[in-house]
Every structure is written in structure tokens, then in C-alpha cells.
N, C-alpha and C. Protein backbone atom coordinates (compact mmCIF):
# COMPACT_ATOMS: atom_id res chain seq x y z
N MET A 1 36.47 94.59 75.79
CA MET A 1 37.31 95.40 74.95
C MET A 1 36.48 96.56 74.42
N ALA A 2 36.98 97.76 74.61
CA ALA A 2 36.26 98.95 74.18
C ALA A 2 36.50 99.20 72.69
N GLU A 3 35.43 99.39 71.99
CA GLU A 3 35.54 99.76 70.59
C GLU A 3 35.06 101.19 70.45
N ILE A 4 35.76 101.95 69.66
CA ILE A 4 35.43 103.34 69.44
C ILE A 4 34.75 103.44 68.09
N ASP A 5 33.59 104.10 68.06
CA ASP A 5 32.91 104.29 66.79
C ASP A 5 33.74 105.25 65.95
N GLY A 6 34.20 104.77 64.85
CA GLY A 6 35.01 105.56 63.95
C GLY A 6 35.40 104.72 62.76
N GLU A 7 36.28 105.26 61.98
CA GLU A 7 36.75 104.54 60.81
C GLU A 7 38.23 104.83 60.60
N TYR A 8 38.86 103.99 59.81
CA TYR A 8 40.26 104.25 59.49
C TYR A 8 40.55 103.77 58.08
N TRP A 9 41.59 104.35 57.50
CA TRP A 9 42.00 104.00 56.15
C TRP A 9 43.47 104.35 55.99
N TYR A 10 44.06 103.80 54.95
CA TYR A 10 45.46 104.06 54.65
C TYR A 10 45.55 105.12 53.57
N ASP A 11 46.34 106.16 53.83
CA ASP A 11 46.57 107.24 52.87
C ASP A 11 47.88 106.94 52.14
N PRO A 12 47.82 106.37 50.93
CA PRO A 12 49.05 105.97 50.24
C PRO A 12 49.93 107.14 49.81
N ASP A 13 49.34 108.31 49.59
CA ASP A 13 50.13 109.47 49.18
C ASP A 13 51.09 109.90 50.28
N ASN A 14 50.62 109.91 51.52
CA ASN A 14 51.46 110.31 52.65
C ASN A 14 51.99 109.12 53.44
N ARG A 15 51.60 107.91 53.04
CA ARG A 15 52.01 106.68 53.71
C ARG A 15 51.67 106.72 55.20
N GLU A 16 50.42 107.08 55.47
CA GLU A 16 49.94 107.22 56.85
C GLU A 16 48.62 106.47 57.03
N LEU A 17 48.40 106.00 58.23
CA LEU A 17 47.12 105.44 58.62
C LEU A 17 46.32 106.58 59.21
N VAL A 18 45.11 106.79 58.73
CA VAL A 18 44.26 107.88 59.20
C VAL A 18 43.14 107.26 60.03
N ILE A 19 42.99 107.72 61.27
CA ILE A 19 41.91 107.27 62.13
C ILE A 19 40.98 108.46 62.35
N LYS A 20 39.70 108.26 62.05
CA LYS A 20 38.73 109.34 62.19
C LYS A 20 37.68 108.92 63.21
N VAL A 21 37.58 109.68 64.28
CA VAL A 21 36.57 109.47 65.31
C VAL A 21 35.77 110.76 65.40
N ASP A 22 34.47 110.65 65.28
CA ASP A 22 33.59 111.80 65.14
C ASP A 22 34.08 112.56 63.91
N GLU A 23 34.45 113.80 64.04
CA GLU A 23 34.96 114.54 62.88
C GLU A 23 36.45 114.83 62.99
N GLU A 24 37.11 114.24 63.98
CA GLU A 24 38.53 114.49 64.21
C GLU A 24 39.39 113.38 63.60
N GLU A 25 40.35 113.78 62.77
CA GLU A 25 41.28 112.84 62.15
C GLU A 25 42.62 112.88 62.86
N SER A 26 43.19 111.70 63.05
CA SER A 26 44.55 111.57 63.57
C SER A 26 45.33 110.72 62.58
N ARG A 27 46.58 111.10 62.35
CA ARG A 27 47.40 110.39 61.37
C ARG A 27 48.57 109.71 62.07
N PHE A 28 48.85 108.47 61.62
CA PHE A 28 49.89 107.66 62.23
C PHE A 28 50.73 106.98 61.18
N TYR A 29 51.99 106.73 61.54
CA TYR A 29 52.87 105.90 60.73
C TYR A 29 52.76 104.48 61.26
N PHE A 30 52.63 103.54 60.37
CA PHE A 30 52.57 102.14 60.74
C PHE A 30 54.00 101.67 61.02
N GLN A 31 54.28 101.28 62.25
CA GLN A 31 55.63 100.88 62.63
C GLN A 31 55.85 99.37 62.56
N ASP A 32 54.87 98.61 63.03
CA ASP A 32 55.06 97.16 63.08
C ASP A 32 53.72 96.47 63.25
N ARG A 33 53.70 95.21 62.89
CA ARG A 33 52.54 94.35 63.09
C ARG A 33 53.09 92.99 63.50
N PHE A 34 52.54 92.41 64.56
CA PHE A 34 53.07 91.13 65.03
C PHE A 34 51.97 90.34 65.72
N GLU A 35 52.24 89.05 65.91
CA GLU A 35 51.29 88.17 66.58
C GLU A 35 51.86 87.74 67.92
N LEU A 36 50.96 87.56 68.87
CA LEU A 36 51.31 87.07 70.19
C LEU A 36 50.14 86.24 70.70
N LYS A 37 50.41 84.99 71.01
CA LYS A 37 49.39 84.08 71.55
C LYS A 37 48.12 84.06 70.69
N GLY A 38 48.31 84.01 69.37
CA GLY A 38 47.18 83.90 68.46
C GLY A 38 46.43 85.19 68.18
N GLU A 39 46.86 86.29 68.77
CA GLU A 39 46.24 87.60 68.53
C GLU A 39 47.20 88.47 67.71
N THR A 40 46.65 89.42 66.97
CA THR A 40 47.46 90.31 66.14
C THR A 40 47.42 91.71 66.73
N TYR A 41 48.59 92.36 66.74
CA TYR A 41 48.72 93.72 67.28
C TYR A 41 49.50 94.56 66.29
N CYS A 42 49.32 95.88 66.35
CA CYS A 42 50.12 96.78 65.53
C CYS A 42 50.60 97.96 66.38
N ILE A 43 51.74 98.49 65.98
CA ILE A 43 52.34 99.64 66.65
C ILE A 43 52.25 100.82 65.69
N LEU A 44 51.68 101.91 66.17
CA LEU A 44 51.53 103.13 65.38
C LEU A 44 52.22 104.28 66.09
N SER A 45 52.84 105.17 65.33
CA SER A 45 53.41 106.38 65.93
C SER A 45 52.78 107.59 65.26
N PRO A 46 52.55 108.65 66.04
CA PRO A 46 51.89 109.84 65.49
C PRO A 46 52.69 110.44 64.33
N ALA A 47 52.01 110.72 63.24
CA ALA A 47 52.67 111.30 62.07
C ALA A 47 53.11 112.74 62.34
N GLU A 48 52.43 113.41 63.28
CA GLU A 48 52.75 114.80 63.58
C GLU A 48 54.12 114.94 64.23
N GLU A 49 54.63 113.87 64.83
CA GLU A 49 55.91 113.94 65.53
C GLU A 49 57.00 113.27 64.70
N ALA A 50 57.40 113.92 63.63
CA ALA A 50 58.48 113.39 62.82
C ALA A 50 59.77 113.41 63.64
N ASP A 51 60.69 112.51 63.31
CA ASP A 51 61.93 112.38 64.08
C ASP A 51 62.70 113.69 64.20
N ASP A 52 62.68 114.50 63.15
CA ASP A 52 63.43 115.74 63.20
C ASP A 52 62.65 116.87 63.87
N GLU A 53 61.44 116.59 64.35
CA GLU A 53 60.63 117.62 64.98
C GLU A 53 60.32 117.33 66.44
N ILE A 54 61.15 116.50 67.09
CA ILE A 54 60.93 116.20 68.50
C ILE A 54 61.20 117.46 69.30
N GLU A 55 60.23 117.86 70.10
CA GLU A 55 60.34 119.12 70.84
C GLU A 55 60.96 118.89 72.21
N ASP A 56 61.56 119.94 72.74
CA ASP A 56 62.07 119.89 74.10
C ASP A 56 60.91 120.05 75.05
N ASN A 57 60.95 119.29 76.17
CA ASN A 57 59.93 119.47 77.18
C ASN A 57 60.33 120.61 78.09
N GLU A 58 59.56 120.88 79.14
CA GLU A 58 59.84 122.05 79.97
C GLU A 58 61.14 121.93 80.76
N ASP A 59 61.71 120.71 80.90
CA ASP A 59 62.99 120.53 81.57
C ASP A 59 64.16 120.70 80.62
N GLY A 60 63.88 120.98 79.35
CA GLY A 60 64.94 121.16 78.38
C GLY A 60 65.42 119.86 77.77
N GLU A 61 64.79 118.73 78.13
CA GLU A 61 65.17 117.45 77.58
C GLU A 61 64.27 117.12 76.40
N ASN A 62 64.77 116.28 75.50
CA ASN A 62 63.95 115.86 74.36
C ASN A 62 62.82 114.98 74.84
N SER A 63 61.62 115.25 74.36
CA SER A 63 60.50 114.37 74.68
C SER A 63 60.55 113.18 73.73
N GLU A 64 60.19 112.02 74.23
CA GLU A 64 60.24 110.82 73.41
C GLU A 64 58.98 110.72 72.56
N GLU A 65 59.15 110.12 71.40
CA GLU A 65 58.02 109.89 70.52
C GLU A 65 57.11 108.85 71.17
N GLU A 66 55.82 109.10 71.14
CA GLU A 66 54.86 108.17 71.71
C GLU A 66 54.45 107.15 70.67
N ALA A 67 54.06 105.99 71.13
CA ALA A 67 53.56 104.94 70.25
C ALA A 67 52.19 104.51 70.73
N LEU A 68 51.39 104.04 69.80
CA LEU A 68 50.06 103.56 70.10
C LEU A 68 50.04 102.07 69.76
N ILE A 69 49.66 101.25 70.72
CA ILE A 69 49.57 99.81 70.51
C ILE A 69 48.09 99.46 70.37
N MET A 70 47.74 98.87 69.25
CA MET A 70 46.35 98.53 68.97
C MET A 70 46.22 97.03 68.71
N LYS A 71 45.09 96.48 69.10
CA LYS A 71 44.79 95.08 68.82
C LYS A 71 44.00 95.04 67.52
N VAL A 72 44.34 94.10 66.64
CA VAL A 72 43.66 93.94 65.37
C VAL A 72 42.71 92.75 65.51
N ILE A 73 41.43 93.01 65.36
CA ILE A 73 40.44 91.94 65.44
C ILE A 73 39.63 91.92 64.16
N GLU A 74 39.09 90.76 63.84
CA GLU A 74 38.24 90.64 62.65
C GLU A 74 36.79 90.88 63.03
N ASP A 75 36.04 91.45 62.10
CA ASP A 75 34.61 91.63 62.36
C ASP A 75 33.92 90.27 62.38
N LYS A 76 32.66 90.24 62.71
CA LYS A 76 31.91 88.98 62.86
C LYS A 76 31.93 88.13 61.59
N ASP A 77 31.95 88.77 60.43
CA ASP A 77 31.94 88.03 59.17
C ASP A 77 33.34 87.66 58.70
N GLY A 78 34.35 88.22 59.36
CA GLY A 78 35.73 87.95 58.95
C GLY A 78 36.13 88.70 57.70
N ASP A 79 35.34 89.71 57.33
CA ASP A 79 35.61 90.47 56.10
C ASP A 79 36.52 91.67 56.32
N GLU A 80 36.48 92.24 57.50
CA GLU A 80 37.23 93.46 57.77
C GLU A 80 38.03 93.32 59.07
N GLU A 81 39.10 94.07 59.15
CA GLU A 81 39.87 94.16 60.38
C GLU A 81 39.47 95.41 61.12
N ILE A 82 39.40 95.31 62.43
CA ILE A 82 39.02 96.43 63.28
C ILE A 82 40.16 96.69 64.25
N LEU A 83 40.54 97.95 64.40
CA LEU A 83 41.56 98.33 65.38
C LEU A 83 40.84 98.61 66.70
N SER A 84 41.38 98.07 67.77
CA SER A 84 40.76 98.24 69.07
C SER A 84 41.82 98.52 70.12
N VAL A 85 41.47 99.35 71.09
CA VAL A 85 42.39 99.59 72.20
C VAL A 85 42.41 98.34 73.07
N ILE A 86 43.47 98.16 73.82
CA ILE A 86 43.61 97.02 74.71
C ILE A 86 43.19 97.46 76.10
N ASP A 87 42.05 96.96 76.58
CA ASP A 87 41.52 97.33 77.88
C ASP A 87 42.20 96.60 79.03
N ASP A 88 42.54 95.37 78.81
CA ASP A 88 43.07 94.53 79.87
C ASP A 88 44.53 94.90 80.17
N ASP A 89 44.80 95.30 81.41
CA ASP A 89 46.15 95.74 81.79
C ASP A 89 47.18 94.63 81.62
N GLU A 90 46.82 93.40 81.99
CA GLU A 90 47.76 92.29 81.87
C GLU A 90 48.09 92.00 80.41
N GLU A 91 47.08 92.04 79.54
CA GLU A 91 47.32 91.83 78.11
C GLU A 91 48.20 92.94 77.56
N PHE A 92 47.92 94.18 77.93
CA PHE A 92 48.71 95.31 77.45
C PHE A 92 50.17 95.18 77.88
N GLU A 93 50.40 94.84 79.14
CA GLU A 93 51.76 94.69 79.65
C GLU A 93 52.49 93.54 78.94
N ALA A 94 51.79 92.43 78.68
CA ALA A 94 52.40 91.30 77.98
C ALA A 94 52.78 91.69 76.55
N VAL A 95 51.92 92.45 75.88
CA VAL A 95 52.21 92.91 74.52
C VAL A 95 53.42 93.84 74.52
N CYS A 96 53.48 94.76 75.48
CA CYS A 96 54.62 95.68 75.57
C CYS A 96 55.92 94.91 75.82
N ARG A 97 55.90 93.98 76.77
CA ARG A 97 57.10 93.20 77.07
C ARG A 97 57.56 92.43 75.83
N HIS A 98 56.63 91.81 75.13
CA HIS A 98 56.97 91.05 73.93
C HIS A 98 57.57 91.96 72.86
N TYR A 99 56.92 93.06 72.60
CA TYR A 99 57.40 93.97 71.54
C TYR A 99 58.78 94.52 71.85
N TYR A 100 58.98 95.02 73.06
CA TYR A 100 60.27 95.62 73.39
C TYR A 100 61.37 94.59 73.52
N ARG A 101 61.04 93.36 73.87
CA ARG A 101 62.04 92.29 73.89
C ARG A 101 62.47 91.97 72.46
N GLU A 102 61.53 91.97 71.52
CA GLU A 102 61.84 91.72 70.11
C GLU A 102 62.67 92.85 69.50
N GLU A 103 62.48 94.08 69.98
CA GLU A 103 63.19 95.24 69.45
C GLU A 103 64.65 95.28 69.86
N GLN A 104 64.99 94.64 70.96
CA GLN A 104 66.37 94.70 71.46
C GLN A 104 67.29 93.78 70.74
């Protein structure tokens, strides 16, 4: 599992999760958190793409809002949670199937 050196925190004023890698900050809305097979995952959507600001793509159709699926793991001491990308394709596909089945 790839871990990215960075940090994240919750901005209560804007109700956004801020992820900072190097000197670049990205802001996300926390959409959901769920467990699957003993692991915890969260769904984040970019804060920059508010529902009323979805842009048309070059075909004139609305582009869909993207979501970021992250795995939540505990550090070695169990004191902090770490967000990690899901490297394993099978795990990622299983998480997507589970989440979208629950959404329907």
C-alpha cells in the first residue's frame, strides 16, 4: 500500500477535509465512511466542484463529480488514523461494488 508523505486535517469553518502534500493543499467534502471485511474506507469529493458548479465537458454534456476512495488505517501505535490510497485493484473494485450497492 502506497503512503504519501503529507498531512491532513479537518477545517470546521468550511466543513472540509484538507489534504496537504508537499506545499499543495486539496480540499474535500467528507461523503461517507464505512467498513468492509474489517477495514475502514471513506469517500471524499472535491470541494472545488460544488453541485451548482458542474462544468460542461467538450461534448456539451455535464461532467460528473469525481470521488476519492481512501482506506483508513491506524498508525503503529494506534493513536492516529492515516488515509491511504488503495493499491490493490481487486480491493479497490470490491470497495466500489460495495459502496455503490449500498447507495442504490
